[in-house]
Amino acid sequence: MHLPSWQIKGVPVQPKAEFEALKRSVFALVNVRDRDGRQLRVSGMPQAERRANLATAAERLAISRDGPNRF
C-alpha cells in the first residue's frame, strides 16, 4: 500500500494586522434561543441543523431593539 506524501514548502503566517484586530475584538457568549425557549446549538449538530441554527442566530442578532443591533 502506497501512502501519499507531501513536501512542506512553508508555514502560513497570519498577517500582523489580523493579530492586532483580534486584540481589539470583543467576544461574548450570546443567549439565542429557539422557538421552544431552548438554547440554539451549533457545535456538533448535523450540517442542515447547524446551518439553520446559524441563520436563526444571525437573524436574531441583527434585529434592532430600541437602538443598534448586537453587531
C-alpha atoms as a PDB file:
ATOM      1  CA  MET A   1       0.000   0.000   0.000  1.00  0.00           C
ATOM      2  CA  HIS A   2       1.387   3.374  -1.033  1.00  0.00           C
ATOM      3  CA  LEU A   3       0.503   6.360   1.107  1.00  0.00           C
ATOM      4  CA  PRO A   4       0.592   9.827  -0.423  1.00  0.00           C
ATOM      5  CA  SER A   5       3.319  12.158   0.766  1.00  0.00           C
ATOM      6  CA  TRP A   6       3.540  15.922   0.682  1.00  0.00           C
ATOM      7  CA  GLN A   7       6.506  18.199   0.755  1.00  0.00           C
ATOM      8  CA  ILE A   8       6.191  21.122   3.135  1.00  0.00           C
ATOM      9  CA  LYS A   9       7.273  24.277   1.347  1.00  0.00           C
ATOM     10  CA  GLY A  10       6.466  26.822   4.024  1.00  0.00           C
ATOM     11  CA  VAL A  11       4.393  27.668   7.057  1.00  0.00           C
ATOM     12  CA  PRO A  12       1.450  30.032   6.663  1.00  0.00           C
ATOM     13  CA  VAL A  13       1.779  33.119   8.832  1.00  0.00           C
ATOM     14  CA  GLN A  14      -1.144  35.283   9.840  1.00  0.00           C
ATOM     15  CA  PRO A  15      -0.631  38.946   8.937  1.00  0.00           C
ATOM     16  CA  LYS A  16       0.244  41.187  11.884  1.00  0.00           C
ATOM     17  CA  ALA A  17      -2.791  43.403  11.179  1.00  0.00           C
ATOM     18  CA  GLU A  18      -5.088  40.411  11.786  1.00  0.00           C
ATOM     19  CA  PHE A  19      -3.456  39.706  15.155  1.00  0.00           C
ATOM     20  CA  GLU A  20      -3.886  43.359  16.109  1.00  0.00           C
ATOM     21  CA  ALA A  21      -7.547  43.275  15.078  1.00  0.00           C
ATOM     22  CA  LEU A  22      -8.096  40.199  17.267  1.00  0.00           C
ATOM     23  CA  LYS A  23      -6.614  42.046  20.244  1.00  0.00           C
ATOM     24  CA  ARG A  24      -9.308  44.716  19.830  1.00  0.00           C
ATOM     25  CA  SER A  25     -12.128  42.209  19.327  1.00  0.00           C
ATOM     26  CA  VAL A  26     -14.715  41.536  21.981  1.00  0.00           C
ATOM     27  CA  PHE A  27     -16.022  38.003  22.316  1.00  0.00           C
ATOM     28  CA  ALA A  28     -19.159  37.252  24.283  1.00  0.00           C
ATOM     29  CA  LEU A  29     -21.487  34.351  24.843  1.00  0.00           C
ATOM     30  CA  VAL A  30     -24.809  35.481  23.456  1.00  0.00           C
ATOM     31  CA  ASN A  31     -28.035  33.874  24.595  1.00  0.00           C
ATOM     32  CA  VAL A  32     -30.043  32.943  21.477  1.00  0.00           C
ATOM     33  CA  ARG A  33     -32.967  30.596  21.937  1.00  0.00           C
ATOM     34  CA  ASP A  34     -35.196  28.632  19.582  1.00  0.00           C
ATOM     35  CA  ARG A  35     -38.985  28.899  19.396  1.00  0.00           C
ATOM     36  CA  ASP A  36     -39.334  26.490  22.319  1.00  0.00           C
ATOM     37  CA  GLY A  37     -37.007  28.518  24.538  1.00  0.00           C
ATOM     38  CA  ARG A  38     -34.027  26.159  24.270  1.00  0.00           C
ATOM     39  CA  GLN A  39     -30.519  27.499  23.674  1.00  0.00           C
ATOM     40  CA  LEU A  40     -29.604  27.241  19.970  1.00  0.00           C
ATOM     41  CA  ARG A  41     -26.810  24.769  19.382  1.00  0.00           C
ATOM     42  CA  VAL A  42     -24.360  24.883  16.517  1.00  0.00           C
ATOM     43  CA  SER A  43     -21.345  22.825  17.536  1.00  0.00           C
ATOM     44  CA  GLY A  44     -21.808  19.097  16.994  1.00  0.00           C
ATOM     45  CA  MET A  45     -25.093  19.482  15.128  1.00  0.00           C
ATOM     46  CA  PRO A  46     -25.758  17.842  11.750  1.00  0.00           C
ATOM     47  CA  GLN A  47     -24.922  20.172   8.854  1.00  0.00           C
ATOM     48  CA  ALA A  48     -28.505  21.078   7.914  1.00  0.00           C
ATOM     49  CA  GLU A  49     -29.478  21.844  11.520  1.00  0.00           C
ATOM     50  CA  ARG A  50     -26.222  23.713  12.174  1.00  0.00           C
ATOM     51  CA  ARG A  51     -26.800  25.946   9.129  1.00  0.00           C
ATOM     52  CA  ALA A  52     -30.398  26.608  10.118  1.00  0.00           C
ATOM     53  CA  ASN A  53     -29.347  27.491  13.681  1.00  0.00           C
ATOM     54  CA  LEU A  54     -26.585  29.805  12.429  1.00  0.00           C
ATOM     55  CA  ALA A  55     -29.084  31.561  10.157  1.00  0.00           C
ATOM     56  CA  THR A  56     -31.539  31.952  13.047  1.00  0.00           C
ATOM     57  CA  ALA A  57     -28.831  33.309  15.353  1.00  0.00           C
ATOM     58  CA  ALA A  58     -27.584  35.804  12.751  1.00  0.00           C
ATOM     59  CA  GLU A  59     -31.127  36.969  12.062  1.00  0.00           C
ATOM     60  CA  ARG A  60     -31.896  37.478  15.747  1.00  0.00           C
ATOM     61  CA  LEU A  61     -28.613  39.250  16.461  1.00  0.00           C
ATOM     62  CA  ALA A  62     -29.152  41.664  13.558  1.00  0.00           C
ATOM     63  CA  ILE A  63     -32.595  42.773  14.768  1.00  0.00           C
ATOM     64  CA  SER A  64     -32.621  46.283  16.208  1.00  0.00           C
ATOM     65  CA  ARG A  65     -34.255  46.538  19.639  1.00  0.00           C
ATOM     66  CA  ASP A  66     -34.557  50.152  20.781  1.00  0.00           C
ATOM     67  CA  GLY A  67     -31.110  51.005  19.469  1.00  0.00           C
ATOM     68  CA  PRO A  68     -28.325  49.421  17.490  1.00  0.00           C
ATOM     69  CA  ASN A  69     -28.235  45.676  16.833  1.00  0.00           C
ATOM     70  CA  ARG A  70     -25.787  43.400  18.659  1.00  0.00           C
ATOM     71  CA  PHE A  71     -23.267  43.653  15.832  1.00  0.00           C
END
